[in-house]
C-alpha cells in the first residue's frame, strides 16, 4: 500500500511539472505575440487612413480625342483650328504637312482644356465636308495618382525625421550617413513631384489629334502636276544659269586651256609639214 502511494505521489508531481511547463510556454508565446499585434494594428490603421484619403481624392481621368476631317481646303481648315486652339487657351504640340498624289493632309497634335474637348471637336466637325473618324477615350488614373501622392507624403515625413536625426548627430560619420539617406529621399521626392505634375497636366489638358485631308479630283490633279512640272522646269533653268554665273572663272580657265591646246596642235601640224 505504501508502494502504491509513493508511485501515486511521483505521478502527481510529474503531472504538476508538465502542467507548469505548459502554462509557462503559453505565457512566453503570448509575450512574443504581444509586440507584434501593435504594429499590425498600426499598419491596418494606416491602410485604412490611406483608403479614406483615396476615397476623398477627386476622380482623376485623362480624356484624349481624335478626329479626321475631309475638307475642301486642308490648309484653310488647319488655320481656323489654330485660331480656335488659341481662343480656348490651348497649344499645338506638333504639326506636319503631307502631300502625296491626290491627297493633301495637315496633321495637328493639340492640347485643349479637358472641359472644352467636346466643344472643340464639334467646332472642328463643323469645318469639314464630312467626318471620317471621331473618338474620345478616357483613362482613370485615380488609384495610381492616390498611390503616388501617398508615397510622396510618406517620403516627406521621412525627410523630416532624417532632418531631426541630423540635428542630433554627434560625429562626422553619422552626419555623412544621414546626408546620404537624405539625398536619396529628396531625389525620390523630386521624381514623385514631377510625376504628380505630369498627371495634373494630362488631366487638365486633353490631347487631341486632328487630320485635315483634301482629296484632289483627277483633272485637278493632272493640271496641278502640269503646273508643278512647268514651275520646276523654269526653276531648274534659273538654277543652271546661276550655276554658270558662279562658275565663270572655271569656264574662263577651260576656254583658255582649250585655246592653248588648239594653238599647240596647229603649230605642231605646221612644223611637220
Protein backbone atom coordinates (compact mmCIF):
# COMPACT_ATOMS: atom_id res chain seq x y z
CA UNK A 1 0.00 0.00 0.00
CA UNK A 2 2.90 2.27 0.80
CA UNK A 3 4.50 1.45 -2.53
CA UNK A 4 1.32 2.41 -4.37
CA UNK A 5 1.06 5.70 -2.52
CA UNK A 6 4.67 6.58 -3.39
CA UNK A 7 4.10 5.84 -7.05
CA UNK A 8 0.92 7.89 -6.99
CA UNK A 9 2.77 10.82 -5.43
CA UNK A 10 5.52 10.66 -8.06
CA UNK A 11 2.91 10.63 -10.84
CA UNK A 12 1.12 13.65 -9.36
CA UNK A 13 4.41 15.58 -9.14
CA UNK A 14 5.20 14.77 -12.77
CA UNK A 15 1.76 15.93 -13.84
CA UNK A 16 2.26 19.17 -11.92
CA UNK A 17 5.62 19.76 -13.70
CA UNK A 18 4.05 19.09 -17.10
CA UNK A 19 1.17 21.46 -16.37
CA UNK A 20 3.57 24.16 -15.11
CA UNK A 21 5.73 23.83 -18.24
CA UNK A 22 2.70 24.08 -20.48
CA UNK A 23 1.48 27.24 -18.73
CA UNK A 24 4.97 28.77 -18.95
CA UNK A 25 5.24 28.09 -22.68
CA UNK A 26 1.81 29.64 -23.26
CA UNK A 27 2.85 32.76 -21.35
CA UNK A 28 6.06 33.07 -23.38
CA UNK A 29 4.14 32.68 -26.63
CA UNK A 30 1.71 35.40 -25.52
CA UNK A 31 4.64 37.68 -24.64
CA UNK A 32 6.20 37.13 -28.07
CA UNK A 33 2.97 37.85 -29.91
CA UNK A 34 2.07 40.97 -27.90
CA UNK A 35 4.59 43.37 -29.52
CA UNK A 36 3.60 42.19 -32.99
CA UNK A 37 -0.06 42.96 -32.55
CA UNK A 38 0.52 46.70 -32.07
CA UNK A 39 2.38 47.31 -35.36
CA UNK A 40 -0.11 45.12 -37.17
CA UNK A 41 -2.96 47.23 -35.87
CA UNK A 42 -0.91 50.33 -36.76
CA UNK A 43 -0.49 49.07 -40.32
CA UNK A 44 -4.19 48.36 -40.56
CA UNK A 45 -4.91 51.85 -39.26
CA UNK A 46 -2.52 53.39 -41.83
CA UNK A 47 -4.06 51.32 -44.61
CA UNK A 48 -7.50 52.46 -43.53
CA UNK A 49 -6.33 56.08 -43.47
CA UNK A 50 -4.85 55.80 -46.99
CA UNK A 51 -8.07 54.17 -48.17
CA UNK A 52 -10.12 57.06 -46.74
CA UNK A 53 -7.78 59.58 -48.37
CA UNK A 54 -8.09 57.78 -51.71
CA UNK A 55 -11.86 57.91 -51.40
CA UNK A 56 -11.72 61.64 -50.57
CA UNK A 57 -9.46 62.34 -53.58
CA UNK A 58 -11.46 63.60 -56.58
CA UNK A 59 -11.50 61.37 -59.64
CA UNK A 60 -8.50 61.84 -61.91
CA UNK A 61 -9.31 60.99 -65.52
CA UNK A 62 -7.32 61.61 -68.69
CA UNK A 63 -9.52 62.30 -71.74
CA UNK A 64 -7.99 62.26 -75.22
CA UNK A 65 -9.67 62.61 -78.60
CA UNK A 66 -9.02 62.26 -82.29
CA UNK A 67 -10.86 63.37 -85.40
CA UNK A 68 -10.24 63.02 -89.14
CA UNK A 69 -11.79 65.67 -91.38
CA UNK A 70 -12.30 65.69 -95.13
CA UNK A 71 -12.03 69.36 -96.15
CA UNK A 72 -12.31 71.48 -99.26
CA UNK A 73 -9.04 73.19 -98.28
CA UNK A 74 -6.92 71.46 -95.64
CA UNK A 75 -4.62 74.45 -95.11
CA UNK A 76 -7.52 76.83 -94.52
CA UNK A 77 -9.19 74.42 -92.10
CA UNK A 78 -5.93 73.98 -90.19
CA UNK A 79 -5.54 77.77 -89.92
CA UNK A 80 -9.06 78.03 -88.48
CA UNK A 81 -8.27 75.29 -85.96
CA UNK A 82 -5.13 77.10 -84.83
CA UNK A 83 -7.20 80.18 -84.06
CA UNK A 84 -9.72 78.07 -82.13
CA UNK A 85 -6.94 76.45 -80.10
CA UNK A 86 -5.57 79.88 -79.18
CA UNK A 87 -9.06 81.08 -78.22
CA UNK A 88 -9.52 78.08 -75.90
CA UNK A 89 -6.10 78.75 -74.32
CA UNK A 90 -4.62 75.52 -75.61
CA UNK A 91 -1.45 74.97 -77.60
CA UNK A 92 -0.07 72.97 -80.54
CA UNK A 93 2.38 70.22 -79.67
CA UNK A 94 3.16 69.00 -83.19
CA UNK A 95 2.24 69.83 -86.78
CA UNK A 96 3.05 68.03 -90.05
CA UNK A 97 2.04 68.55 -93.68
CA UNK A 98 1.94 65.57 -96.04
CA UNK A 99 1.34 65.74 -99.79
CA UNK A 100 1.26 62.55 -101.85
CA UNK A 101 -0.50 62.01 -105.21
CA UNK A 102 -4.11 63.09 -104.77
CA UNK A 103 -4.02 63.56 -101.01
CA UNK A 104 -3.06 66.72 -99.14
CA UNK A 105 -3.06 66.29 -95.36
CA UNK A 106 -2.33 68.57 -92.41
CA UNK A 107 -1.71 66.70 -89.17
CA UNK A 108 -2.13 68.59 -85.86
CA UNK A 109 -1.47 67.35 -82.33
CA UNK A 110 -3.06 69.72 -79.82
CA UNK A 111 -3.64 70.26 -76.12
CA UNK A 112 -7.11 71.55 -75.17
CA UNK A 113 -8.60 72.18 -71.69
CA UNK A 114 -10.36 68.94 -70.80
CA UNK A 115 -13.72 70.58 -70.13
CA UNK A 116 -13.71 72.07 -73.65
CA UNK A 117 -12.82 68.88 -75.53
CA UNK A 118 -16.30 68.09 -76.87
CA UNK A 119 -16.90 71.73 -77.88
CA UNK A 120 -13.63 71.77 -79.84
CA UNK A 121 -14.45 68.52 -81.64
CA UNK A 122 -17.89 69.89 -82.55
CA UNK A 123 -16.27 73.05 -83.93
CA UNK A 124 -13.77 71.00 -85.96
CA UNK A 125 -16.53 68.81 -87.38
CA UNK A 126 -18.42 71.91 -88.48
CA UNK A 127 -15.48 72.96 -90.70
CA UNK A 128 -15.38 69.72 -92.67
CA UNK A 129 -17.20 68.38 -95.69
CA UNK A 130 -17.52 65.16 -93.75
CA UNK A 131 -16.02 63.47 -90.69
CA UNK A 132 -14.28 60.18 -91.44
CA UNK A 133 -13.48 59.32 -87.83
CA UNK A 134 -14.14 60.79 -84.38
CA UNK A 135 -13.42 59.22 -80.99
CA UNK A 136 -12.82 60.13 -77.35
CA UNK A 137 -11.01 57.87 -74.88
CA UNK A 138 -10.91 58.12 -71.08
CA UNK A 139 -8.27 56.66 -68.74
CA UNK A 140 -8.95 56.64 -64.99
CA UNK A 141 -5.71 57.26 -63.04
CA UNK A 142 -7.32 57.98 -59.65
CA UNK A 143 -5.80 54.92 -57.98
CA UNK A 144 -2.26 55.39 -59.27
CA UNK A 145 -2.48 59.12 -58.54
CA UNK A 146 -3.54 58.44 -54.93
CA UNK A 147 -0.76 55.86 -54.53
CA UNK A 148 1.88 58.29 -55.81
CA UNK A 149 0.52 61.07 -53.61
CA UNK A 150 0.58 58.81 -50.51
CA UNK A 151 4.16 57.71 -51.22
CA UNK A 152 5.15 61.34 -51.71
CA UNK A 153 3.72 62.32 -48.33
CA UNK A 154 5.49 59.37 -46.67
CA UNK A 155 8.80 60.41 -48.25
CA UNK A 156 8.34 63.97 -46.99
CA UNK A 157 7.63 62.66 -43.48
CA UNK A 158 10.79 60.51 -43.70
CA UNK A 159 12.76 63.55 -44.81
CA UNK A 160 11.55 65.45 -41.74
CA UNK A 161 12.61 62.58 -39.46
CA UNK A 162 16.06 62.44 -41.06
CA UNK A 163 16.44 66.19 -40.50
CA UNK A 164 15.62 65.74 -36.82
CA UNK A 165 18.15 62.91 -36.55
CA UNK A 166 20.73 65.03 -38.37
CA UNK A 167 20.40 67.75 -35.71
CA UNK A 168 21.17 65.17 -33.01
CA UNK A 169 24.15 63.61 -34.86
CA UNK A 170 27.37 63.65 -32.78
CA UNK A 171 30.14 62.77 -35.23
CA UNK A 172 31.10 63.14 -38.90
CA UNK A 173 30.33 59.53 -39.77
CA UNK A 174 26.73 59.82 -38.57
CA UNK A 175 26.29 63.14 -40.39
CA UNK A 176 27.59 61.72 -43.68
CA UNK A 177 25.43 58.59 -43.39
CA UNK A 178 22.29 60.64 -42.72
CA UNK A 179 23.06 63.06 -45.56
CA UNK A 180 23.39 60.13 -47.97
CA UNK A 181 19.96 58.90 -46.95
CA UNK A 182 18.57 62.44 -47.22
CA UNK A 183 19.96 62.77 -50.74
CA UNK A 184 18.18 59.60 -51.87
CA UNK A 185 14.92 60.60 -50.17
CA UNK A 186 14.97 64.05 -51.75
CA UNK A 187 15.67 62.54 -55.18
CA UNK A 188 12.62 60.30 -54.72
CA UNK A 189 10.54 63.32 -53.65
CA UNK A 190 11.55 65.31 -56.76
CA UNK A 191 10.74 62.37 -59.01
CA UNK A 192 7.29 61.88 -57.45
CA UNK A 193 6.52 65.61 -57.56
CA UNK A 194 7.38 65.65 -61.27
CA UNK A 195 5.13 62.63 -61.82
CA UNK A 196 2.27 64.32 -59.96
CA UNK A 197 2.68 67.46 -62.10
CA UNK A 198 2.59 65.36 -65.27
CA UNK A 199 -0.58 63.64 -64.10
CA UNK A 200 -2.18 67.01 -63.31
CA UNK A 201 -1.27 68.37 -66.75
CA UNK A 202 -2.65 65.31 -68.54
CA UNK A 203 -5.89 65.55 -66.57
CA UNK A 204 -6.26 69.31 -67.11
CA UNK A 205 -5.33 69.32 -70.82
CA UNK A 206 -6.74 66.74 -73.21
CA UNK A 207 -4.60 65.66 -76.14
CA UNK A 208 -6.38 65.92 -79.48
CA UNK A 209 -5.15 64.54 -82.80
CA UNK A 210 -6.65 66.22 -85.88
CA UNK A 211 -6.15 65.21 -89.51
CA UNK A 212 -7.36 67.65 -92.18
CA UNK A 213 -7.44 65.89 -95.55
CA UNK A 214 -8.15 67.19 -99.04
CA UNK A 215 -8.62 64.74 -101.92
CA UNK A 216 -7.96 66.28 -105.36
CA UNK A 217 -10.04 65.22 -108.38
CA UNK A 218 -8.39 63.63 -111.43
CA UNK A 219 -8.50 66.77 -113.62
CA UNK A 220 -7.31 69.00 -110.83
CA UNK A 221 -4.58 66.53 -110.09
CA UNK A 222 -3.38 66.49 -113.75
CA UNK A 223 -3.45 70.26 -114.13
CA UNK A 224 -1.76 70.66 -110.81
CA UNK A 225 1.01 68.32 -111.81
CA UNK A 226 1.46 70.16 -115.12
CA UNK A 227 1.74 73.50 -113.34
CA UNK A 228 4.15 71.98 -110.89
CA UNK A 229 6.27 70.47 -113.71
CA UNK A 230 6.44 73.79 -115.61
CA UNK A 231 7.37 75.64 -112.44
CA UNK A 232 10.07 73.08 -111.64
CA UNK A 233 11.47 73.29 -115.18
CA UNK A 234 11.71 77.07 -115.02
CA UNK A 235 13.28 76.85 -111.58
CA UNK A 236 15.85 74.31 -112.80
CA UNK A 237 16.74 76.59 -115.74
CA UNK A 238 17.30 79.51 -113.40
CA UNK A 239 19.39 77.32 -111.11
CA UNK A 240 21.54 76.28 -114.08
CA UNK A 241 22.12 79.91 -115.11
CA UNK A 242 23.06 80.77 -111.56
CA UNK A 243 25.47 77.84 -111.52
CA UNK A 244 27.10 79.10 -114.72
CA UNK A 245 27.37 82.58 -113.28
CA UNK A 246 29.03 81.32 -110.16
CA UNK A 247 31.49 79.18 -112.17
CA UNK A 248 32.61 81.87 -114.66
CA UNK A 249 36.25 81.59 -113.53
CA UNK A 250 36.29 77.85 -114.15
CA UNK A 251 34.68 78.35 -117.59
CA UNK A 252 37.26 81.03 -118.45
CA UNK A 253 40.09 78.73 -117.48
CA UNK A 254 38.64 75.89 -119.57
CA UNK A 255 38.32 78.19 -122.58
CA UNK A 256 41.94 79.32 -122.14
CA UNK A 257 43.20 75.72 -121.89
CA UNK A 258 41.19 74.70 -124.93
CA UNK A 259 42.51 77.68 -126.97
CA UNK A 260 46.09 76.90 -125.93
CA UNK A 261 45.63 73.28 -126.89
CA UNK A 262 44.33 74.24 -130.38
CA UNK A 263 47.21 76.67 -130.89
CA UNK A 264 49.73 73.99 -129.88
CA UNK A 265 48.18 71.44 -132.20
CA UNK A 266 48.14 73.78 -135.22
CA UNK A 267 51.77 74.68 -134.62
CA UNK A 268 52.72 71.01 -134.40
CA UNK A 269 51.00 70.28 -137.69
CA UNK A 270 52.77 73.19 -139.47
CA UNK A 271 56.13 72.04 -138.11
CA UNK A 272 55.63 68.54 -139.50
CA UNK A 273 54.85 69.93 -142.92
